[in-house]
Every structure is written in C-alpha cells, then in structure tokens.
Amino acid sequence: MRAIWKGHIRFSLVTIPIRIYTALDSAQSIRFNQLSKETKNPVKYEKKDKVTGEVLKTDDIIKGYQYEPGQYVIMNPEDFEKIKLKSTKVIEIEGFVNAGEVHPTLYEAPYFIGPDGDIAAKSYALLMQTLKDSGKVGVGRVVLRERENMVLLTPHGKGIMLYKLRSPEEIRDIADVPKIEEVEGADKDQLKLAKTLVESMSKSFDEIDMTDHYHEALKEVINAKIEGKEVVSYTEEEPEVVDIMTALKESIEQAKSEKKPMKKATGKKEGKEQAKSKKKAS
C-alpha cells in the first residue's frame, strides 16, 4: 500500500510521525467511457462560451463568483495567492470529543493512518489505544493543497482512521424536508410491536450482507457481452403496501423462526386449502 501523504499528528507537546493511505479501493469501481454511437470512438469534450458558442482554450478561461444572477466578481490568480496557506505537514489536534457528538453527515472520504517508522509505532499505538479506551475521537485541522481541512481521527482495529470533515454549515436543516412538520407521535401499540420486531431482527453488523448487488449484476452483464453471450435482464418488484399493524405482527412471527426466510406481509389469512397444500409439501 502506497502512502499519499507524510507528516505528523501533533497535540500539545506530543508529536507522532505518520503516513496516510487511501482507504477506498478504486479498482472495484466500474467506469464507462463515452463513445460516438456511429464510430465507437471516444468522445472529446470542448469548453465553449455558452452565449457565442465559441470554443475556448484554457488561457481564455477565468474564474468568477456569481453574487447575483448574471453578476460576477472576477478572481485573478494573484487573488488566490493572497490567501494561500502554508502546508506544515502537521495535523494539529484541536481537541478530543465523544465519538457520538460528531454527526455522520459530517464524514467525508475515509483514509488509513499508519506510523512512519519503528520509533513512531509505539506512540502511534498509544494514541490508538487511548482513543479506543476513552471512546473519544480527535478533531483537528491540516493544510492540504493550500486549503485547510478539518479532520477526524478515530480508532479502527489496530490502527487509526482519518476522515475529512464537512463544515456543519454545509448540511441543510432536516426541518426543511416537506411534510416532516406533520409527523405525529407514534401509536403506542404500533410502537410496542415495532420495538419487538427490531429486537427480534437485531444482529451484529458483520452478519449483514453488504454485497452491492447492482455492481455484481453489472459485472455479469459486461462479462456476458464480452463473451458474446445473451444478456440476462433484471426486473425490480414493486413492494406491496399493507396495513402497518398486520405487517408488524406477521414480520415478528417470521423473525422468530430462524429457518424461514423473510417474506412479504400480505395482510390476508391463509385459506384452508392453502394451509393443507403447505402441510403436504412439508
């Protein structure tokens, strides 16, 4: 695994040499190229003036901030030079907070942090174990590519993960979601059944199948086309909406039986003939 950044973690007088690695495996992504329908040649995109249609070169393009419709403040290279921040190659920890205080909406791309050298390994292990035992995460800042980024450090296995953090100002207010103000308190009987269902379906995260079925189906289609085979089509079933109380009760009954796979709630009682046929089949 190749490091993409080398520097230090610093909090108070403690400094730990570290390296950062990309946690995401880009090789797992399926990417498509856009081709000409007639020639099958790759498509080239040109930057054009939206009004005149004139094709522009890189030197013909400047940056502008739109502060009103059709009104722009022009930003020149020297303007950006004035606000350049010096990269110190140091992740400055601002403080340690309870992990639950940082909302998941603030998390961006994950990265692995590893110690830079044998000497750093001991202090690295000490920080990792301290975070794990205390239930705390480190929140700090670092300058990357001349921009300051807020980051979060959290223990993961025997190591430490880093997440770039969004600013809370970037997250919209959930109260702005339409109809959400009309949501009322849950019915007591329904809530009791719902809690029972959640308890009966509780399991560890490791037991959850996280397979990306679309990704797997897409690979199957691509491989079939490469081999000249017939492409299998996939259809999506529309879920049936039934009475909530009926759905909860039937769901609980199915969850209690480990041998039976989950099936859709129908809201209808089985007829005698159906019940008999099921007994014969068993």
C-alpha atoms as a PDB file:
ATOM      1  CA  MET A   1       0.000   0.000   0.000  1.00  0.00           C
ATOM      2  CA  ARG A   2       1.453   3.333  -1.063  1.00  0.00           C
ATOM      3  CA  ALA A   3       1.270   6.388   1.191  1.00  0.00           C
ATOM      4  CA  ILE A   4      -0.289   9.534  -0.297  1.00  0.00           C
ATOM      5  CA  TRP A   5       0.827  11.917   2.488  1.00  0.00           C
ATOM      6  CA  LYS A   6       3.586  12.035   5.061  1.00  0.00           C
ATOM      7  CA  GLY A   7       3.640  14.272   8.116  1.00  0.00           C
ATOM      8  CA  HIS A   8       2.883  14.385  11.841  1.00  0.00           C
ATOM      9  CA  ILE A   9      -0.001  14.300  14.302  1.00  0.00           C
ATOM     10  CA  ARG A  10       0.511  16.916  16.990  1.00  0.00           C
ATOM     11  CA  PHE A  11      -1.435  17.555  20.181  1.00  0.00           C
ATOM     12  CA  SER A  12       0.014  19.687  22.945  1.00  0.00           C
ATOM     13  CA  LEU A  13       3.716  18.708  23.108  1.00  0.00           C
ATOM     14  CA  VAL A  14       3.197  15.222  21.629  1.00  0.00           C
ATOM     15  CA  THR A  15       4.253  14.692  18.002  1.00  0.00           C
ATOM     16  CA  ILE A  16       3.776  11.404  16.113  1.00  0.00           C
ATOM     17  CA  PRO A  17       5.293  10.852  12.624  1.00  0.00           C
ATOM     18  CA  ILE A  18       2.636   9.279  10.401  1.00  0.00           C
ATOM     19  CA  ARG A  19       1.756   8.351   6.837  1.00  0.00           C
ATOM     20  CA  ILE A  20      -1.713   8.475   5.284  1.00  0.00           C
ATOM     21  CA  TYR A  21      -3.108   5.879   2.868  1.00  0.00           C
ATOM     22  CA  THR A  22      -6.253   5.819   0.746  1.00  0.00           C
ATOM     23  CA  ALA A  23      -8.836   3.518   2.340  1.00  0.00           C
ATOM     24  CA  LEU A  24     -11.040   3.179  -0.752  1.00  0.00           C
ATOM     25  CA  ASP A  25     -10.205   0.596  -3.412  1.00  0.00           C
ATOM     26  CA  SER A  26     -10.798   2.451  -6.684  1.00  0.00           C
ATOM     27  CA  ALA A  27     -10.146  -0.766  -8.644  1.00  0.00           C
ATOM     28  CA  GLN A  28     -13.566  -2.017  -7.500  1.00  0.00           C
ATOM     29  CA  SER A  29     -15.356   0.811  -9.323  1.00  0.00           C
ATOM     30  CA  ILE A  30     -16.774   0.245 -12.797  1.00  0.00           C
ATOM     31  CA  ARG A  31     -16.178   3.227 -15.061  1.00  0.00           C
ATOM     32  CA  PHE A  32     -17.556   3.852 -18.529  1.00  0.00           C
ATOM     33  CA  ASN A  33     -16.153   5.887 -21.402  1.00  0.00           C
ATOM     34  CA  GLN A  34     -18.499   7.861 -23.612  1.00  0.00           C
ATOM     35  CA  LEU A  35     -18.238   6.854 -27.281  1.00  0.00           C
ATOM     36  CA  SER A  36     -19.629   8.030 -30.580  1.00  0.00           C
ATOM     37  CA  LYS A  37     -22.706   5.945 -31.416  1.00  0.00           C
ATOM     38  CA  GLU A  38     -21.667   5.679 -35.065  1.00  0.00           C
ATOM     39  CA  THR A  39     -17.862   5.303 -34.955  1.00  0.00           C
ATOM     40  CA  LYS A  40     -17.442   3.944 -31.390  1.00  0.00           C
ATOM     41  CA  ASN A  41     -14.587   6.429 -30.965  1.00  0.00           C
ATOM     42  CA  PRO A  42     -14.027   8.189 -27.597  1.00  0.00           C
ATOM     43  CA  VAL A  43     -15.887  11.481 -27.249  1.00  0.00           C
ATOM     44  CA  LYS A  44     -13.868  14.637 -26.646  1.00  0.00           C
ATOM     45  CA  TYR A  45     -15.464  17.499 -24.762  1.00  0.00           C
ATOM     46  CA  GLU A  46     -14.709  21.104 -25.569  1.00  0.00           C
ATOM     47  CA  LYS A  47     -15.206  24.130 -23.348  1.00  0.00           C
ATOM     48  CA  LYS A  48     -17.422  26.642 -25.118  1.00  0.00           C
ATOM     49  CA  ASP A  49     -18.822  30.093 -24.455  1.00  0.00           C
ATOM     50  CA  LYS A  50     -22.477  29.397 -23.615  1.00  0.00           C
ATOM     51  CA  VAL A  51     -23.630  32.567 -25.403  1.00  0.00           C
ATOM     52  CA  THR A  52     -21.473  32.745 -28.528  1.00  0.00           C
ATOM     53  CA  GLY A  53     -20.688  29.036 -28.875  1.00  0.00           C
ATOM     54  CA  GLU A  54     -17.002  29.867 -29.351  1.00  0.00           C
ATOM     55  CA  VAL A  55     -14.541  27.104 -28.420  1.00  0.00           C
ATOM     56  CA  LEU A  56     -12.219  28.335 -25.642  1.00  0.00           C
ATOM     57  CA  LYS A  57      -8.654  27.456 -24.738  1.00  0.00           C
ATOM     58  CA  THR A  58      -7.507  27.109 -21.135  1.00  0.00           C
ATOM     59  CA  ASP A  59      -5.863  30.550 -21.282  1.00  0.00           C
ATOM     60  CA  ASP A  60      -9.176  32.088 -22.345  1.00  0.00           C
ATOM     61  CA  ILE A  61     -10.960  30.992 -19.155  1.00  0.00           C
ATOM     62  CA  ILE A  62     -11.007  32.895 -15.847  1.00  0.00           C
ATOM     63  CA  LYS A  63     -12.790  32.285 -12.545  1.00  0.00           C
ATOM     64  CA  GLY A  64     -15.791  34.275 -11.393  1.00  0.00           C
ATOM     65  CA  TYR A  65     -18.049  34.166  -8.335  1.00  0.00           C
ATOM     66  CA  GLN A  66     -21.728  34.820  -9.099  1.00  0.00           C
ATOM     67  CA  TYR A  67     -23.117  37.041  -6.328  1.00  0.00           C
ATOM     68  CA  GLU A  68     -26.314  37.932  -8.229  1.00  0.00           C
ATOM     69  CA  PRO A  69     -27.900  36.417 -11.356  1.00  0.00           C
ATOM     70  CA  GLY A  70     -25.604  37.348 -14.236  1.00  0.00           C
ATOM     71  CA  GLN A  71     -23.274  39.364 -11.967  1.00  0.00           C
ATOM     72  CA  TYR A  72     -19.784  38.030 -11.255  1.00  0.00           C
ATOM     73  CA  VAL A  73     -16.766  39.030  -9.193  1.00  0.00           C
ATOM     74  CA  ILE A  74     -13.684  38.153 -11.244  1.00  0.00           C
ATOM     75  CA  MET A  75     -10.962  36.295  -9.316  1.00  0.00           C
ATOM     76  CA  ASN A  76      -7.430  36.502 -10.676  1.00  0.00           C
ATOM     77  CA  PRO A  77      -4.504  34.162  -9.800  1.00  0.00           C
ATOM     78  CA  GLU A  78      -2.948  36.864  -7.609  1.00  0.00           C
ATOM     79  CA  ASP A  79      -6.166  37.000  -5.543  1.00  0.00           C
ATOM     80  CA  PHE A  80      -5.733  33.338  -4.638  1.00  0.00           C
ATOM     81  CA  GLU A  81      -2.060  33.886  -3.871  1.00  0.00           C
ATOM     82  CA  LYS A  82      -3.058  36.273  -1.089  1.00  0.00           C
ATOM     83  CA  ILE A  83      -4.936  33.557   0.775  1.00  0.00           C
ATOM     84  CA  LYS A  84      -2.528  30.667   0.272  1.00  0.00           C
ATOM     85  CA  LEU A  85      -1.911  28.762   3.493  1.00  0.00           C
ATOM     86  CA  LYS A  86       1.489  27.271   4.164  1.00  0.00           C
ATOM     87  CA  SER A  87       1.450  23.497   4.397  1.00  0.00           C
ATOM     88  CA  THR A  88       3.195  22.478   7.610  1.00  0.00           C
ATOM     89  CA  LYS A  89       2.686  18.741   7.086  1.00  0.00           C
ATOM     90  CA  VAL A  90       1.151  18.623  10.569  1.00  0.00           C
ATOM     91  CA  ILE A  91      -2.310  17.512  11.673  1.00  0.00           C
ATOM     92  CA  GLU A  92      -2.983  19.866  14.579  1.00  0.00           C
ATOM     93  CA  ILE A  93      -5.427  18.275  17.024  1.00  0.00           C
ATOM     94  CA  GLU A  94      -7.795  20.937  18.370  1.00  0.00           C
ATOM     95  CA  GLY A  95      -9.343  18.655  20.947  1.00  0.00           C
ATOM     96  CA  PHE A  96     -10.827  15.247  21.783  1.00  0.00           C
ATOM     97  CA  VAL A  97     -14.593  14.801  21.819  1.00  0.00           C
ATOM     98  CA  ASN A  98     -17.049  11.963  22.440  1.00  0.00           C
ATOM     99  CA  ALA A  99     -17.490   9.955  19.238  1.00  0.00           C
ATOM    100  CA  GLY A 100     -21.271  10.344  19.356  1.00  0.00           C
ATOM    101  CA  GLU A 101     -21.027  14.129  19.164  1.00  0.00           C
ATOM    102  CA  VAL A 102     -19.871  14.094  15.529  1.00  0.00           C
ATOM    103  CA  HIS A 103     -22.873  13.501  13.274  1.00  0.00           C
ATOM    104  CA  PRO A 104     -22.346  11.018  10.395  1.00  0.00           C
ATOM    105  CA  THR A 105     -23.409  13.681   7.859  1.00  0.00           C
ATOM    106  CA  LEU A 106     -20.109  15.466   8.502  1.00  0.00           C
ATOM    107  CA  TYR A 107     -17.957  12.499   7.487  1.00  0.00           C
ATOM    108  CA  GLU A 108     -16.276  12.555   4.076  1.00  0.00           C
ATOM    109  CA  ALA A 109     -13.794  10.143   2.458  1.00  0.00           C
ATOM    110  CA  PRO A 110     -12.001   7.688   4.786  1.00  0.00           C
ATOM    111  CA  TYR A 111      -8.222   7.277   4.972  1.00  0.00           C
ATOM    112  CA  PHE A 112      -5.899   4.991   6.915  1.00  0.00           C
ATOM    113  CA  ILE A 113      -3.196   6.433   9.156  1.00  0.00           C
ATOM    114  CA  GLY A 114      -0.071   4.404   9.838  1.00  0.00           C
ATOM    115  CA  PRO A 115       3.098   5.086  11.854  1.00  0.00           C
ATOM    116  CA  ASP A 116       6.107   6.431   9.969  1.00  0.00           C
ATOM    117  CA  GLY A 117       8.917   4.203  11.212  1.00  0.00           C
ATOM    118  CA  ASP A 118       9.588   1.861  14.114  1.00  0.00           C
ATOM    119  CA  ILE A 119      10.119   4.624  16.671  1.00  0.00           C
ATOM    120  CA  ALA A 120       6.775   6.220  15.800  1.00  0.00           C
ATOM    121  CA  ALA A 121       4.965   2.864  16.129  1.00  0.00           C
ATOM    122  CA  LYS A 122       4.940   2.973  19.948  1.00  0.00           C
ATOM    123  CA  SER A 123       3.482   6.473  20.257  1.00  0.00           C
ATOM    124  CA  TYR A 124       1.052   5.654  17.441  1.00  0.00           C
ATOM    125  CA  ALA A 125      -0.141   2.533  19.310  1.00  0.00           C
ATOM    126  CA  LEU A 126      -0.502   4.580  22.496  1.00  0.00           C
ATOM    127  CA  LEU A 127      -2.759   7.138  20.768  1.00  0.00           C
ATOM    128  CA  MET A 128      -4.843   4.408  19.124  1.00  0.00           C
ATOM    129  CA  GLN A 129      -5.415   2.556  22.406  1.00  0.00           C
ATOM    130  CA  THR A 130      -6.166   5.763  24.291  1.00  0.00           C
ATOM    131  CA  LEU A 131      -8.838   6.741  21.762  1.00  0.00           C
ATOM    132  CA  LYS A 132     -10.328   3.250  21.895  1.00  0.00           C
ATOM    133  CA  ASP A 133     -10.437   3.064  25.704  1.00  0.00           C
ATOM    134  CA  SER A 134     -11.754   6.598  26.179  1.00  0.00           C
ATOM    135  CA  GLY A 135     -14.418   6.496  23.481  1.00  0.00           C
ATOM    136  CA  LYS A 136     -13.038   9.783  22.186  1.00  0.00           C
ATOM    137  CA  VAL A 137     -12.107  10.933  18.685  1.00  0.00           C
ATOM    138  CA  GLY A 138      -9.579  13.593  17.783  1.00  0.00           C
ATOM    139  CA  VAL A 139     -10.720  16.630  15.801  1.00  0.00           C
ATOM    140  CA  GLY A 140      -8.058  18.727  14.129  1.00  0.00           C
ATOM    141  CA  ARG A 141      -7.020  20.633  11.050  1.00  0.00           C
ATOM    142  CA  VAL A 142      -4.408  20.222   8.337  1.00  0.00           C
ATOM    143  CA  VAL A 143      -3.435  22.182   5.229  1.00  0.00           C
ATOM    144  CA  LEU A 144      -3.688  20.045   2.080  1.00  0.00           C
ATOM    145  CA  ARG A 145      -3.112  21.520  -1.378  1.00  0.00           C
ATOM    146  CA  GLU A 146      -3.085  25.047   0.037  1.00  0.00           C
ATOM    147  CA  ARG A 147      -6.504  24.593   1.665  1.00  0.00           C
ATOM    148  CA  GLU A 148      -7.289  24.000   5.299  1.00  0.00           C
ATOM    149  CA  ASN A 149      -9.278  20.873   6.073  1.00  0.00           C
ATOM    150  CA  MET A 150     -10.940  19.797   9.299  1.00  0.00           C
ATOM    151  CA  VAL A 151     -10.280  16.126  10.020  1.00  0.00           C
ATOM    152  CA  LEU A 152     -11.362  13.473  12.488  1.00  0.00           C
ATOM    153  CA  LEU A 153      -9.155  10.695  13.903  1.00  0.00           C
ATOM    154  CA  THR A 154     -10.841   7.551  15.187  1.00  0.00           C
ATOM    155  CA  PRO A 155      -9.546   4.095  16.232  1.00  0.00           C
ATOM    156  CA  HIS A 156     -10.177   1.252  13.803  1.00  0.00           C
ATOM    157  CA  GLY A 157      -8.982  -2.276  14.515  1.00  0.00           C
ATOM    158  CA  LYS A 158      -5.309  -1.984  15.459  1.00  0.00           C
ATOM    159  CA  GLY A 159      -4.954   1.337  13.668  1.00  0.00           C
ATOM    160  CA  ILE A 160      -6.327   4.842  13.270  1.00  0.00           C
ATOM    161  CA  MET A 161      -8.610   6.177  10.555  1.00  0.00           C
ATOM    162  CA  LEU A 162      -8.836   9.737   9.322  1.00  0.00           C
ATOM    163  CA  TYR A 163     -11.963  11.324   7.870  1.00  0.00           C
ATOM    164  CA  LYS A 164     -12.106  14.708   6.199  1.00  0.00           C
ATOM    165  CA  LEU A 165     -14.988  16.615   7.765  1.00  0.00           C
ATOM    166  CA  ARG A 166     -17.576  18.820   6.137  1.00  0.00           C
ATOM    167  CA  SER A 167     -18.479  22.092   7.768  1.00  0.00           C
ATOM    168  CA  PRO A 168     -21.786  21.889   9.705  1.00  0.00           C
ATOM    169  CA  GLU A 169     -22.893  24.924   7.656  1.00  0.00           C
ATOM    170  CA  GLU A 170     -22.938  22.720   4.540  1.00  0.00           C
ATOM    171  CA  ILE A 171     -25.646  20.464   5.979  1.00  0.00           C
ATOM    172  CA  ARG A 172     -29.224  21.523   5.381  1.00  0.00           C
ATOM    173  CA  ASP A 173     -31.818  21.539   8.167  1.00  0.00           C
ATOM    174  CA  ILE A 174     -33.922  18.371   8.184  1.00  0.00           C
ATOM    175  CA  ALA A 175     -36.869  20.522   9.304  1.00  0.00           C
ATOM    176  CA  ASP A 176     -36.957  21.829   5.706  1.00  0.00           C
ATOM    177  CA  VAL A 177     -37.989  18.403   4.390  1.00  0.00           C
ATOM    178  CA  PRO A 178     -41.584  18.651   3.068  1.00  0.00           C
ATOM    179  CA  LYS A 179     -44.309  17.134   5.259  1.00  0.00           C
ATOM    180  CA  ILE A 180     -41.910  16.433   8.136  1.00  0.00           C
ATOM    181  CA  GLU A 181     -43.649  19.011  10.327  1.00  0.00           C
ATOM    182  CA  GLU A 182     -46.841  16.924  10.007  1.00  0.00           C
ATOM    183  CA  VAL A 183     -45.228  13.840  11.550  1.00  0.00           C
ATOM    184  CA  GLU A 184     -47.007  12.941  14.781  1.00  0.00           C
ATOM    185  CA  GLY A 185     -46.045  10.754  17.722  1.00  0.00           C
ATOM    186  CA  ALA A 186     -46.194   7.004  17.110  1.00  0.00           C
ATOM    187  CA  ASP A 187     -49.201   4.943  18.211  1.00  0.00           C
ATOM    188  CA  LYS A 188     -48.321   3.145  21.488  1.00  0.00           C
ATOM    189  CA  ASP A 189     -49.450  -0.299  20.289  1.00  0.00           C
ATOM    190  CA  GLN A 190     -47.641   0.091  16.971  1.00  0.00           C
ATOM    191  CA  LEU A 191     -44.516   1.320  18.761  1.00  0.00           C
ATOM    192  CA  LYS A 192     -44.531  -1.711  21.073  1.00  0.00           C
ATOM    193  CA  LEU A 193     -44.759  -4.099  18.122  1.00  0.00           C
ATOM    194  CA  ALA A 194     -42.113  -2.186  16.180  1.00  0.00           C
ATOM    195  CA  LYS A 195     -39.674  -2.413  19.104  1.00  0.00           C
ATOM    196  CA  THR A 196     -40.354  -6.146  19.398  1.00  0.00           C
ATOM    197  CA  LEU A 197     -39.628  -6.571  15.691  1.00  0.00           C
ATOM    198  CA  VAL A 198     -36.387  -4.580  15.926  1.00  0.00           C
ATOM    199  CA  GLU A 199     -35.263  -6.717  18.874  1.00  0.00           C
ATOM    200  CA  SER A 200     -36.073  -9.959  17.039  1.00  0.00           C
ATOM    201  CA  MET A 201     -34.113  -8.792  13.982  1.00  0.00           C
ATOM    202  CA  SER A 202     -31.117  -7.454  15.919  1.00  0.00           C
ATOM    203  CA  LYS A 203     -27.722  -8.854  14.907  1.00  0.00           C
ATOM    204  CA  SER A 204     -24.113  -7.759  14.621  1.00  0.00           C
ATOM    205  CA  PHE A 205     -23.095  -5.612  11.648  1.00  0.00           C
ATOM    206  CA  ASP A 206     -20.745  -8.387  10.465  1.00  0.00           C
ATOM    207  CA  GLU A 207     -23.777 -10.606   9.846  1.00  0.00           C
ATOM    208  CA  ILE A 208     -25.335  -8.118   7.405  1.00  0.00           C
ATOM    209  CA  ASP A 209     -24.820  -8.892   3.706  1.00  0.00           C
ATOM    210  CA  MET A 210     -23.196  -5.736   2.311  1.00  0.00           C
ATOM    211  CA  THR A 211     -22.886  -7.042  -1.248  1.00  0.00           C
ATOM    212  CA  ASP A 212     -23.551  -4.390  -3.908  1.00  0.00           C
ATOM    213  CA  HIS A 213     -25.983  -6.459  -5.991  1.00  0.00           C
ATOM    214  CA  TYR A 214     -26.189  -3.832  -8.739  1.00  0.00           C
ATOM    215  CA  HIS A 215     -22.390  -3.848  -9.064  1.00  0.00           C
ATOM    216  CA  GLU A 216     -22.339  -7.648  -9.269  1.00  0.00           C
ATOM    217  CA  ALA A 217     -25.175  -7.704 -11.836  1.00  0.00           C
ATOM    218  CA  LEU A 218     -23.404  -5.032 -13.896  1.00  0.00           C
ATOM    219  CA  LYS A 219     -20.180  -7.074 -13.945  1.00  0.00           C
ATOM    220  CA  GLU A 220     -22.189 -10.125 -15.034  1.00  0.00           C
ATOM    221  CA  VAL A 221     -23.767  -8.196 -17.913  1.00  0.00           C
ATOM    222  CA  ILE A 222     -20.385  -6.786 -19.017  1.00  0.00           C
ATOM    223  CA  ASN A 223     -18.709 -10.202 -18.905  1.00  0.00           C
ATOM    224  CA  ALA A 224     -21.617 -11.755 -20.820  1.00  0.00           C
ATOM    225  CA  LYS A 225     -21.294  -9.136 -23.559  1.00  0.00           C
ATOM    226  CA  ILE A 226     -17.508  -9.653 -23.738  1.00  0.00           C
ATOM    227  CA  GLU A 227     -18.044 -13.388 -24.197  1.00  0.00           C
ATOM    228  CA  GLY A 228     -20.844 -12.823 -26.713  1.00  0.00           C
ATOM    229  CA  LYS A 229     -23.465 -14.437 -24.525  1.00  0.00           C
ATOM    230  CA  GLU A 230     -27.093 -13.422 -24.086  1.00  0.00           C
ATOM    231  CA  VAL A 231     -27.522 -10.643 -21.552  1.00  0.00           C
ATOM    232  CA  VAL A 232     -29.834 -11.504 -18.657  1.00  0.00           C
ATOM    233  CA  SER A 233     -32.286  -8.763 -17.744  1.00  0.00           C
ATOM    234  CA  TYR A 234     -33.181  -7.868 -14.175  1.00  0.00           C
ATOM    235  CA  THR A 235     -36.638  -6.743 -13.100  1.00  0.00           C
ATOM    236  CA  GLU A 236     -37.496  -4.888  -9.933  1.00  0.00           C
ATOM    237  CA  GLU A 237     -40.527  -5.931  -7.917  1.00  0.00           C
ATOM    238  CA  GLU A 238     -42.814  -3.232  -6.587  1.00  0.00           C
ATOM    239  CA  PRO A 239     -43.250  -3.708  -2.827  1.00  0.00           C
ATOM    240  CA  GLU A 240     -46.823  -4.245  -1.670  1.00  0.00           C
ATOM    241  CA  VAL A 241     -48.073  -1.723   0.884  1.00  0.00           C
ATOM    242  CA  VAL A 242     -50.189  -3.304   3.622  1.00  0.00           C
ATOM    243  CA  ASP A 243     -51.711  -2.256   6.931  1.00  0.00           C
ATOM    244  CA  ILE A 244     -48.899  -1.398   9.362  1.00  0.00           C
ATOM    245  CA  MET A 245     -50.260  -3.447  12.278  1.00  0.00           C
ATOM    246  CA  THR A 246     -50.709  -6.521  10.089  1.00  0.00           C
ATOM    247  CA  ALA A 247     -47.233  -6.085   8.618  1.00  0.00           C
ATOM    248  CA  LEU A 248     -45.647  -5.733  12.072  1.00  0.00           C
ATOM    249  CA  LYS A 249     -47.398  -8.813  13.506  1.00  0.00           C
ATOM    250  CA  GLU A 250     -46.556 -11.021  10.511  1.00  0.00           C
ATOM    251  CA  SER A 251     -42.971  -9.723  10.475  1.00  0.00           C
ATOM    252  CA  ILE A 252     -42.498 -10.627  14.144  1.00  0.00           C
ATOM    253  CA  GLU A 253     -43.793 -14.150  13.556  1.00  0.00           C
ATOM    254  CA  GLN A 254     -41.381 -14.665  10.665  1.00  0.00           C
ATOM    255  CA  ALA A 255     -38.439 -13.168  12.566  1.00  0.00           C
ATOM    256  CA  LYS A 256     -38.998 -15.645  15.406  1.00  0.00           C
ATOM    257  CA  SER A 257     -38.437 -18.537  13.044  1.00  0.00           C
ATOM    258  CA  GLU A 258     -34.763 -18.757  12.091  1.00  0.00           C
ATOM    259  CA  LYS A 259     -35.352 -21.416   9.482  1.00  0.00           C
ATOM    260  CA  LYS A 260     -37.906 -19.495   7.421  1.00  0.00           C
ATOM    261  CA  PRO A 261     -36.700 -16.687   5.127  1.00  0.00           C
ATOM    262  CA  MET A 262     -38.446 -13.324   5.380  1.00  0.00           C
ATOM    263  CA  LYS A 263     -41.467 -12.958   3.082  1.00  0.00           C
ATOM    264  CA  LYS A 264     -43.730 -10.067   2.254  1.00  0.00           C
ATOM    265  CA  ALA A 265     -46.618  -9.332   4.580  1.00  0.00           C
ATOM    266  CA  THR A 266     -49.903  -9.845   2.733  1.00  0.00           C
ATOM    267  CA  GLY A 267     -52.369  -8.786   5.370  1.00  0.00           C
ATOM    268  CA  LYS A 268     -54.550 -11.781   4.419  1.00  0.00           C
ATOM    269  CA  LYS A 269     -55.228 -15.006   6.312  1.00  0.00           C
ATOM    270  CA  GLU A 270     -54.403 -18.229   4.528  1.00  0.00           C
ATOM    271  CA  GLY A 271     -57.308 -20.263   3.329  1.00  0.00           C
ATOM    272  CA  LYS A 272     -57.804 -23.880   4.424  1.00  0.00           C
ATOM    273  CA  GLU A 273     -56.773 -25.228   1.023  1.00  0.00           C
ATOM    274  CA  GLN A 274     -53.562 -23.192   1.083  1.00  0.00           C
ATOM    275  CA  ALA A 275     -52.761 -24.406   4.600  1.00  0.00           C
ATOM    276  CA  LYS A 276     -53.351 -28.044   3.580  1.00  0.00           C
ATOM    277  CA  SER A 277     -51.182 -27.776   0.486  1.00  0.00           C
ATOM    278  CA  LYS A 278     -48.359 -26.331   2.605  1.00  0.00           C
ATOM    279  CA  LYS A 279     -48.595 -29.235   5.083  1.00  0.00           C
ATOM    280  CA  LYS A 280     -48.461 -31.785   2.236  1.00  0.00           C
ATOM    281  CA  ALA A 281     -45.446 -30.051   0.693  1.00  0.00           C
ATOM    282  CA  SER A 282     -43.624 -30.152   4.029  1.00  0.00           C
END
